[in-house]
Amino acid sequence: MGVTPDTRKMPRPADGAPIGSIVVRAMRERLSPDVVRVHTSARVRSLEPAASSSSWTVRVEDGPDDAAPRVFEARAVIVATGGFGAATGLALPTTNGPTATGDGLDLARDVGAEAIDLECVQVHPTGFVDPQAPDAPTKILAPEALRGAGALLIDPSTGRRFVDELATRDVVTAAMPPGEEAVLWLPLQEEDSSSSSPGTEAHKTSNRGPLGFYEARGLLTRVESVEQAARLVPRLQLNTAALAETLRAYDEAAQTTGPDAFGKTVFPGPRATTLQEGAPPTTTPKEVAPALVGRVVPCVHYTMGGLRIDGEARVLRRGTKDEPIPGLFAAGEATGGLHGANRLAGNSLLECVVFGRQAGLSAAVHALAASAAATQHAMAAHRHASWWHAALAGVGHVVRRGLLV
């Protein structure tokens, strides 16, 4: 039914695990506890310039009942606290965890850091609605990979598609039923080992890979008919007759060379309807094919705004052209200005790698330079003190000998 576009994105783990957990696991395996100390369940309460302008004082609470925050002195601080996609007042559910409240941005702004593009918030059109917790503010992402593998978006009230599912996030989001859920309909590949259709392996099975993960969480459910789908989501009042016709029309459009009613020209994945055995593709379909069905809603997904940094990941001071705040660095979603008004999918991991490494390098260079300067200052002070000690000792010697009156 067409060729899936090559998105050049990072490949998913073979076991279907979220890629973030794989990155964190790899980093934890490389960390030496003798070099890096990780404090979990900790909350930074304040970030202040220390009495010495070359260092910072950071106050950290190790838990909600910690009455006496721990105080750290640091020559360099990297703000990598993520964005503010879970902050209150955004009016939509979010794919972000509860820690994405923008606290790191506030701490840095309190010491003079400049923020940029805070009004630029990316909404992802499809976050899964968990049937067990439909009103939960945090949703699991239903990624583009599902639509890239052939998933369709259906307005349950009309039973019809409403957008080119492969359009950009902002286009799909704008087309979503206002204030309502949509149905994600992913046709499944029939068990045909001879098939060479793109996405065959992704569709043949639902017990491994990403589909297995979503099924295990109850976010996708296999159905054999539109009637079964309607019983699965009764509160959506799915228009089954229109949905069956929509799936047949979609398959017919996929056999043509021109765009469909929504401008779609690429039709990835298997057919949404089945044919009589041996019938040519242009034959009227027999019935709706098995599918995985879920409920989706738009969610706050990423915040493009954050702290303004330069190419060395140094945080820039508010009210200046490009003056860095000494010893303060930032990387990841806590920064702003890199992605413009609408981040390209997949680029946040690239950003974390590039600017994470740069922030670490810059912070290390700054800390070493500050340490060297402090050492030189201490040595100079020691030499100065030693000279005065020797001078005073000499004066005392002269007084004791009665040579000074």
Protein backbone atom coordinates (compact mmCIF):
# COMPACT_ATOMS: atom_id res chain seq x y z
CA MET A 1 0.00 0.00 0.00
CA GLY A 2 2.95 2.35 -0.37
CA VAL A 3 6.33 3.05 1.10
CA THR A 4 6.81 4.44 4.60
CA PRO A 5 8.90 7.65 4.46
CA ASP A 6 12.43 7.37 5.86
CA THR A 7 12.41 9.70 8.85
CA ARG A 8 16.10 9.16 9.72
CA LYS A 9 15.25 8.84 13.38
CA MET A 10 17.06 6.91 16.07
CA PRO A 11 16.02 3.20 15.89
CA ARG A 12 13.82 1.90 18.67
CA PRO A 13 15.08 -0.78 21.10
CA ALA A 14 14.28 -4.27 19.81
CA ASP A 15 12.28 -5.13 22.92
CA GLY A 16 10.01 -2.12 22.46
CA ALA A 17 11.14 -0.39 25.66
CA PRO A 18 10.93 3.42 25.71
CA ILE A 19 14.17 4.80 24.36
CA GLY A 20 14.63 7.15 27.32
CA SER A 21 15.02 4.26 29.74
CA ILE A 22 17.65 2.72 27.47
CA VAL A 23 19.67 5.95 27.44
CA VAL A 24 19.45 6.29 31.24
CA ARG A 25 20.41 2.64 31.75
CA ALA A 26 23.50 3.01 29.55
CA MET A 27 24.58 6.13 31.41
CA ARG A 28 24.10 4.52 34.82
CA GLU A 29 26.27 1.60 33.77
CA ARG A 30 29.06 4.00 32.83
CA LEU A 31 28.92 6.12 36.00
CA SER A 32 31.47 5.41 38.68
CA PRO A 33 30.17 6.06 42.22
CA ASP A 34 33.69 7.17 43.12
CA VAL A 35 33.45 9.99 40.59
CA VAL A 36 29.75 10.83 40.30
CA ARG A 37 27.27 10.89 43.17
CA VAL A 38 23.60 10.66 42.22
CA HIS A 39 21.04 12.00 44.70
CA THR A 40 17.53 10.72 43.98
CA SER A 41 14.26 12.16 45.31
CA ALA A 42 16.12 15.42 45.82
CA ARG A 43 14.82 18.93 45.25
CA VAL A 44 17.00 21.97 44.64
CA ARG A 45 15.69 24.79 46.79
CA SER A 46 18.07 27.59 45.87
CA LEU A 47 20.94 28.50 43.57
CA GLU A 48 23.03 31.45 44.67
CA PRO A 49 26.41 32.93 43.82
CA ALA A 50 28.79 32.07 46.64
CA ALA A 51 30.75 34.69 48.53
CA SER A 52 33.51 33.97 46.03
CA SER A 53 32.33 35.04 42.58
CA SER A 54 33.92 31.92 41.07
CA SER A 55 31.57 29.42 42.71
CA TRP A 56 27.92 28.66 43.52
CA THR A 57 26.00 27.65 46.61
CA VAL A 58 23.30 25.05 45.96
CA ARG A 59 20.82 24.05 48.65
CA VAL A 60 19.20 20.64 48.20
CA GLU A 61 16.49 18.81 50.12
CA ASP A 62 16.79 15.03 50.01
CA GLY A 63 13.09 14.49 50.65
CA PRO A 64 9.86 16.24 51.59
CA ASP A 65 10.56 15.81 55.32
CA ASP A 66 14.13 17.07 55.16
CA ALA A 67 14.12 20.10 57.45
CA ALA A 68 17.83 20.88 56.99
CA PRO A 69 18.79 21.19 53.31
CA ARG A 70 22.24 20.04 52.32
CA VAL A 71 24.52 22.76 51.02
CA PHE A 72 26.91 22.17 48.12
CA GLU A 73 29.62 24.51 46.94
CA ALA A 74 30.27 24.17 43.20
CA ARG A 75 32.55 25.96 40.80
CA ALA A 76 30.21 25.08 37.91
CA VAL A 77 26.49 24.24 37.73
CA ILE A 78 24.68 22.69 34.76
CA VAL A 79 20.92 23.23 34.57
CA ALA A 80 19.48 20.09 32.94
CA THR A 81 16.09 20.03 34.63
CA GLY A 82 13.98 19.69 31.48
CA GLY A 83 11.11 21.86 30.33
CA PHE A 84 7.84 23.01 31.84
CA GLY A 85 5.42 20.72 30.01
CA ALA A 86 3.79 19.57 33.27
CA ALA A 87 3.43 23.04 34.77
CA THR A 88 -0.01 24.06 35.93
CA GLY A 89 -2.15 26.29 33.75
CA LEU A 90 -1.40 24.74 30.33
CA ALA A 91 -5.02 23.49 29.95
CA LEU A 92 -4.11 20.18 28.30
CA PRO A 93 -2.87 16.82 29.54
CA THR A 94 0.84 16.21 29.09
CA THR A 95 3.23 13.47 28.04
CA ASN A 96 5.76 14.85 30.53
CA GLY A 97 6.45 13.47 33.97
CA PRO A 98 5.39 15.41 37.08
CA THR A 99 8.88 16.86 37.54
CA ALA A 100 8.71 18.93 34.31
CA THR A 101 7.50 22.08 36.05
CA GLY A 102 10.22 24.52 35.00
CA ASP A 103 11.81 24.87 38.45
CA GLY A 104 15.31 24.92 36.97
CA LEU A 105 14.38 27.83 34.74
CA ASP A 106 13.07 29.77 37.74
CA LEU A 107 16.24 29.14 39.74
CA ALA A 108 18.43 30.37 36.90
CA ARG A 109 16.26 33.38 36.15
CA ASP A 110 16.48 34.37 39.81
CA VAL A 111 20.25 34.81 39.38
CA GLY A 112 19.92 36.89 36.21
CA ALA A 113 19.60 34.31 33.43
CA GLU A 114 17.70 35.26 30.29
CA ALA A 115 14.84 33.09 29.02
CA ILE A 116 13.70 32.93 25.42
CA ASP A 117 10.70 31.59 23.44
CA LEU A 118 8.69 30.67 26.54
CA GLU A 119 5.48 31.10 24.54
CA CYS A 120 6.47 28.27 22.16
CA VAL A 121 4.83 25.07 23.42
CA GLN A 122 4.54 22.01 21.20
CA VAL A 123 1.31 20.03 21.38
CA HIS A 124 1.45 16.42 20.22
CA PRO A 125 -1.80 15.33 18.58
CA THR A 126 -1.86 11.82 20.02
CA GLY A 127 -1.40 10.88 23.65
CA PHE A 128 -3.01 7.59 24.71
CA VAL A 129 -6.07 7.73 26.94
CA ASP A 130 -5.73 4.95 29.52
CA PRO A 131 -9.14 3.27 29.90
CA GLN A 132 -8.33 2.63 33.57
CA ALA A 133 -7.52 6.30 34.22
CA PRO A 134 -9.08 8.37 31.41
CA ASP A 135 -8.76 11.65 33.28
CA ALA A 136 -5.12 11.21 34.32
CA PRO A 137 -3.18 14.42 33.54
CA THR A 138 -0.15 12.49 32.26
CA LYS A 139 -0.50 10.44 29.09
CA ILE A 140 1.77 7.94 27.37
CA LEU A 141 2.75 9.18 23.92
CA ALA A 142 1.20 7.53 20.87
CA PRO A 143 4.15 8.30 18.59
CA GLU A 144 4.26 9.16 14.90
CA ALA A 145 5.70 5.69 14.34
CA LEU A 146 2.19 4.27 14.72
CA ARG A 147 0.76 6.55 12.06
CA GLY A 148 3.87 5.97 9.98
CA ALA A 149 3.04 2.25 10.16
CA GLY A 150 -0.49 2.82 8.88
CA ALA A 151 -2.59 3.91 11.86
CA LEU A 152 -5.61 6.03 10.99
CA LEU A 153 -7.29 8.75 13.06
CA ILE A 154 -11.08 8.57 13.29
CA ASP A 155 -13.59 11.07 14.64
CA PRO A 156 -15.85 8.72 16.62
CA SER A 157 -18.96 10.87 16.22
CA THR A 158 -18.78 10.77 12.42
CA GLY A 159 -16.85 7.52 11.97
CA ARG A 160 -14.63 9.26 9.42
CA ARG A 161 -11.05 10.36 9.00
CA PHE A 162 -10.36 14.08 9.25
CA VAL A 163 -6.69 14.61 8.31
CA ASP A 164 -3.65 13.24 6.50
CA GLU A 165 -2.21 11.17 9.35
CA LEU A 166 1.34 11.79 8.10
CA ALA A 167 1.05 15.59 8.26
CA THR A 168 3.14 17.55 10.75
CA ARG A 169 2.15 17.67 14.41
CA ASP A 170 0.69 21.15 14.28
CA VAL A 171 -1.51 20.29 11.28
CA VAL A 172 -2.80 17.06 12.84
CA THR A 173 -3.40 18.76 16.20
CA ALA A 174 -5.39 21.58 14.60
CA ALA A 175 -7.61 19.02 12.86
CA MET A 176 -8.34 16.92 15.96
CA PRO A 177 -11.97 16.93 17.18
CA PRO A 178 -12.10 19.99 19.49
CA GLY A 179 -12.27 18.95 23.13
CA GLU A 180 -12.91 15.32 22.21
CA GLU A 181 -11.01 12.07 21.91
CA ALA A 182 -10.18 10.49 18.58
CA VAL A 183 -9.89 6.80 17.79
CA LEU A 184 -6.53 5.48 16.62
CA TRP A 185 -7.13 2.56 14.25
CA LEU A 186 -4.06 0.47 13.32
CA PRO A 187 -4.81 -2.28 10.76
CA LEU A 188 -2.97 -5.52 11.45
CA GLN A 189 -1.01 -7.49 8.87
CA GLU A 190 -2.62 -10.80 8.05
CA GLU A 191 -0.52 -13.83 8.90
CA ASP A 192 1.14 -14.29 5.55
CA SER A 193 4.81 -15.19 5.80
CA SER A 194 5.29 -14.55 2.09
CA SER A 195 4.22 -10.93 2.36
CA SER A 196 6.89 -8.33 1.63
CA SER A 197 4.70 -5.36 2.43
CA PRO A 198 6.52 -2.56 4.31
CA GLY A 199 5.87 -2.85 8.01
CA THR A 200 4.96 -6.54 7.83
CA GLU A 201 6.97 -7.51 10.91
CA ALA A 202 5.55 -4.60 12.88
CA HIS A 203 2.00 -5.70 12.18
CA LYS A 204 2.14 -9.50 12.16
CA THR A 205 2.49 -9.74 15.90
CA SER A 206 1.19 -7.81 18.84
CA ASN A 207 3.06 -9.68 21.56
CA ARG A 208 6.49 -8.15 21.06
CA GLY A 209 8.02 -4.80 20.25
CA PRO A 210 6.26 -1.45 20.75
CA LEU A 211 2.80 -2.82 19.97
CA GLY A 212 3.19 -5.42 22.70
CA PHE A 213 4.15 -2.68 25.15
CA TYR A 214 1.04 -0.64 24.35
CA GLU A 215 -1.20 -3.71 24.50
CA ALA A 216 0.24 -4.77 27.85
CA ARG A 217 -0.59 -1.33 29.23
CA GLY A 218 -4.16 -1.58 27.91
CA LEU A 219 -3.67 1.35 25.57
CA LEU A 220 -4.23 -0.67 22.38
CA THR A 221 -6.73 -3.52 22.08
CA ARG A 222 -7.16 -5.95 19.20
CA VAL A 223 -10.59 -5.95 17.56
CA GLU A 224 -11.98 -8.07 14.74
CA SER A 225 -14.79 -5.73 13.66
CA VAL A 226 -16.06 -2.18 13.92
CA GLU A 227 -18.88 -3.43 16.16
CA GLN A 228 -16.37 -4.87 18.61
CA ALA A 229 -14.53 -1.54 18.59
CA ALA A 230 -17.76 0.29 19.40
CA ARG A 231 -18.36 -1.99 22.38
CA LEU A 232 -14.80 -1.36 23.51
CA VAL A 233 -15.28 2.42 23.70
CA PRO A 234 -19.00 2.87 24.43
CA ARG A 235 -18.67 6.42 25.72
CA LEU A 236 -17.37 7.57 22.32
CA GLN A 237 -20.54 6.37 20.53
CA LEU A 238 -18.53 5.20 17.53
CA ASN A 239 -20.40 5.47 14.22
CA THR A 240 -19.75 1.93 12.99
CA ALA A 241 -21.48 2.11 9.61
CA ALA A 242 -19.57 5.22 8.59
CA LEU A 243 -16.32 3.78 9.95
CA ALA A 244 -16.64 0.62 7.82
CA GLU A 245 -17.24 2.76 4.74
CA THR A 246 -14.31 5.01 5.67
CA LEU A 247 -11.94 2.03 5.85
CA ARG A 248 -13.13 0.74 2.46
CA ALA A 249 -12.72 4.21 0.91
CA TYR A 250 -9.24 4.48 2.38
CA ASP A 251 -8.15 1.23 0.78
CA GLU A 252 -9.58 2.34 -2.55
CA ALA A 253 -7.65 5.62 -2.37
CA ALA A 254 -4.49 3.69 -1.57
CA GLN A 255 -4.77 1.87 -4.91
CA THR A 256 -4.71 5.12 -6.87
CA THR A 257 -1.75 7.30 -7.73
CA GLY A 258 -3.33 10.60 -6.72
CA PRO A 259 -3.89 12.16 -3.28
CA ASP A 260 -6.96 11.35 -1.22
CA ALA A 261 -9.44 13.93 0.07
CA PHE A 262 -6.89 15.10 2.69
CA GLY A 263 -3.93 15.29 0.31
CA LYS A 264 -2.41 12.02 1.51
CA THR A 265 -0.20 10.38 -1.12
CA VAL A 266 1.65 7.81 0.99
CA PHE A 267 -0.37 4.91 2.41
CA PRO A 268 1.88 2.83 4.68
CA GLY A 269 1.00 -0.44 6.35
CA PRO A 270 -1.46 -3.19 5.42
CA ARG A 271 -4.99 -2.89 4.08
CA ALA A 272 -7.72 -1.83 6.47
CA THR A 273 -10.14 -4.28 4.84
CA THR A 274 -9.82 -7.87 3.65
CA LEU A 275 -10.48 -9.34 0.19
CA GLN A 276 -11.88 -12.60 -1.06
CA GLU A 277 -9.04 -15.10 -1.36
CA GLY A 278 -7.28 -14.68 -4.70
CA ALA A 279 -9.15 -11.50 -5.61
CA PRO A 280 -7.21 -8.61 -7.22
CA PRO A 281 -6.61 -5.51 -5.06
CA THR A 282 -9.23 -3.52 -6.98
CA THR A 283 -11.98 -5.94 -5.92
CA THR A 284 -14.63 -4.72 -3.48
CA PRO A 285 -13.38 -5.65 0.01
CA LYS A 286 -15.05 -8.45 1.93
CA GLU A 287 -14.93 -7.05 5.45
CA VAL A 288 -12.95 -4.92 7.88
CA ALA A 289 -9.56 -6.39 8.77
CA PRO A 290 -8.40 -6.96 12.37
CA ALA A 291 -6.91 -3.89 13.97
CA LEU A 292 -5.46 -2.47 17.15
CA VAL A 293 -7.64 0.29 18.53
CA GLY A 294 -6.92 2.99 21.10
CA ARG A 295 -8.14 6.38 22.25
CA VAL A 296 -5.99 9.49 21.81
CA VAL A 297 -6.08 13.18 22.72
CA PRO A 298 -3.76 16.15 22.09
CA CYS A 299 -1.15 16.66 24.84
CA VAL A 300 1.52 19.16 25.74
CA HIS A 301 4.64 17.36 24.63
CA TYR A 302 7.64 19.71 24.47
CA THR A 303 8.50 23.28 25.39
CA MET A 304 10.79 25.04 22.94
CA GLY A 305 11.42 27.93 25.31
CA GLY A 306 14.03 28.01 28.04
CA LEU A 307 17.33 29.52 29.09
CA ARG A 308 19.30 31.34 26.41
CA ILE A 309 22.74 29.82 25.90
CA ASP A 310 25.66 30.30 23.54
CA GLY A 311 27.55 27.69 21.52
CA GLU A 312 29.51 26.66 24.59
CA ALA A 313 26.30 26.00 26.55
CA ARG A 314 26.97 28.99 28.81
CA VAL A 315 23.82 30.62 30.19
CA LEU A 316 23.59 34.25 29.09
CA ARG A 317 22.77 37.12 31.40
CA ARG A 318 19.46 38.94 31.05
CA GLY A 319 19.67 42.45 29.61
CA THR A 320 23.02 41.91 27.89
CA LYS A 321 23.91 41.03 24.33
CA ASP A 322 25.86 37.85 24.91
CA GLU A 323 27.40 38.05 28.37
CA PRO A 324 27.65 34.62 30.02
CA ILE A 325 27.00 34.12 33.72
CA PRO A 326 30.30 32.66 35.01
CA GLY A 327 30.01 29.03 36.02
CA LEU A 328 26.39 28.54 34.91
CA PHE A 329 25.61 26.19 32.01
CA ALA A 330 22.50 24.51 30.62
CA ALA A 331 21.49 21.75 28.21
CA GLY A 332 18.41 19.93 26.97
CA GLU A 333 14.82 21.08 27.22
CA ALA A 334 15.76 23.57 29.93
CA THR A 335 17.28 25.70 27.14
CA GLY A 336 15.48 27.71 24.48
CA GLY A 337 16.06 29.17 21.04
CA LEU A 338 17.42 26.07 19.32
CA HIS A 339 14.24 24.59 17.82
CA GLY A 340 12.38 27.71 16.74
CA ALA A 341 8.61 27.68 17.17
CA ASN A 342 8.04 23.97 16.48
CA ARG A 343 10.66 21.29 17.20
CA LEU A 344 11.25 18.62 14.57
CA ALA A 345 10.42 15.16 15.94
CA GLY A 346 13.50 13.28 17.15
CA ASN A 347 15.73 16.34 17.49
CA SER A 348 15.50 16.57 21.27
CA LEU A 349 17.67 13.47 21.74
CA LEU A 350 20.20 14.93 19.33
CA GLU A 351 20.14 18.20 21.24
CA CYS A 352 20.73 16.42 24.55
CA VAL A 353 23.74 14.57 23.17
CA VAL A 354 25.33 17.58 21.45
CA PHE A 355 24.75 20.24 24.09
CA GLY A 356 24.96 17.81 27.00
CA ARG A 357 28.51 16.96 25.96
CA GLN A 358 29.28 20.62 25.32
CA ALA A 359 27.90 21.70 28.70
CA GLY A 360 29.92 19.03 30.47
CA LEU A 361 33.10 20.03 28.65
CA SER A 362 32.56 23.75 29.24
CA ALA A 363 31.74 23.21 32.91
CA ALA A 364 34.83 21.06 33.42
CA VAL A 365 37.07 23.61 31.72
CA HIS A 366 35.56 26.43 33.79
CA ALA A 367 35.87 24.49 37.05
CA LEU A 368 39.48 23.56 36.37
CA ALA A 369 40.34 27.13 35.42
CA ALA A 370 38.58 28.46 38.53
CA SER A 371 40.35 25.89 40.66
CA ALA A 372 43.71 26.82 39.16
CA ALA A 373 43.00 30.51 39.71
CA ALA A 374 41.97 29.81 43.29
CA THR A 375 45.13 27.79 43.80
CA GLN A 376 47.29 30.58 42.39
CA HIS A 377 45.46 33.10 44.57
CA ALA A 378 45.99 30.91 47.64
CA MET A 379 49.67 30.46 46.81
CA ALA A 380 50.08 34.21 46.34
CA ALA A 381 48.30 34.86 49.62
CA HIS A 382 50.50 32.28 51.28
CA ARG A 383 53.63 33.89 49.89
CA HIS A 384 52.34 37.30 50.98
CA ALA A 385 51.57 36.01 54.46
CA SER A 386 54.95 34.31 54.64
CA TRP A 387 56.70 37.58 53.71
CA TRP A 388 54.83 39.45 56.45
CA HIS A 389 55.53 36.68 58.92
CA ALA A 390 59.22 36.87 58.12
CA ALA A 391 59.17 40.67 58.29
CA LEU A 392 57.42 40.69 61.64
CA ALA A 393 59.77 38.07 62.94
CA GLY A 394 62.69 40.25 61.84
CA VAL A 395 61.21 43.31 63.55
CA GLY A 396 60.80 41.33 66.75
CA HIS A 397 64.38 40.19 66.57
CA VAL A 398 65.58 43.77 66.19
CA VAL A 399 63.42 44.97 69.11
CA ARG A 400 64.66 42.23 71.35
CA ARG A 401 68.24 43.23 70.65
CA GLY A 402 67.42 46.83 71.59
CA LEU A 403 68.35 48.15 68.17
CA LEU A 404 64.97 49.77 67.48
CA VAL A 405 63.88 52.79 69.60
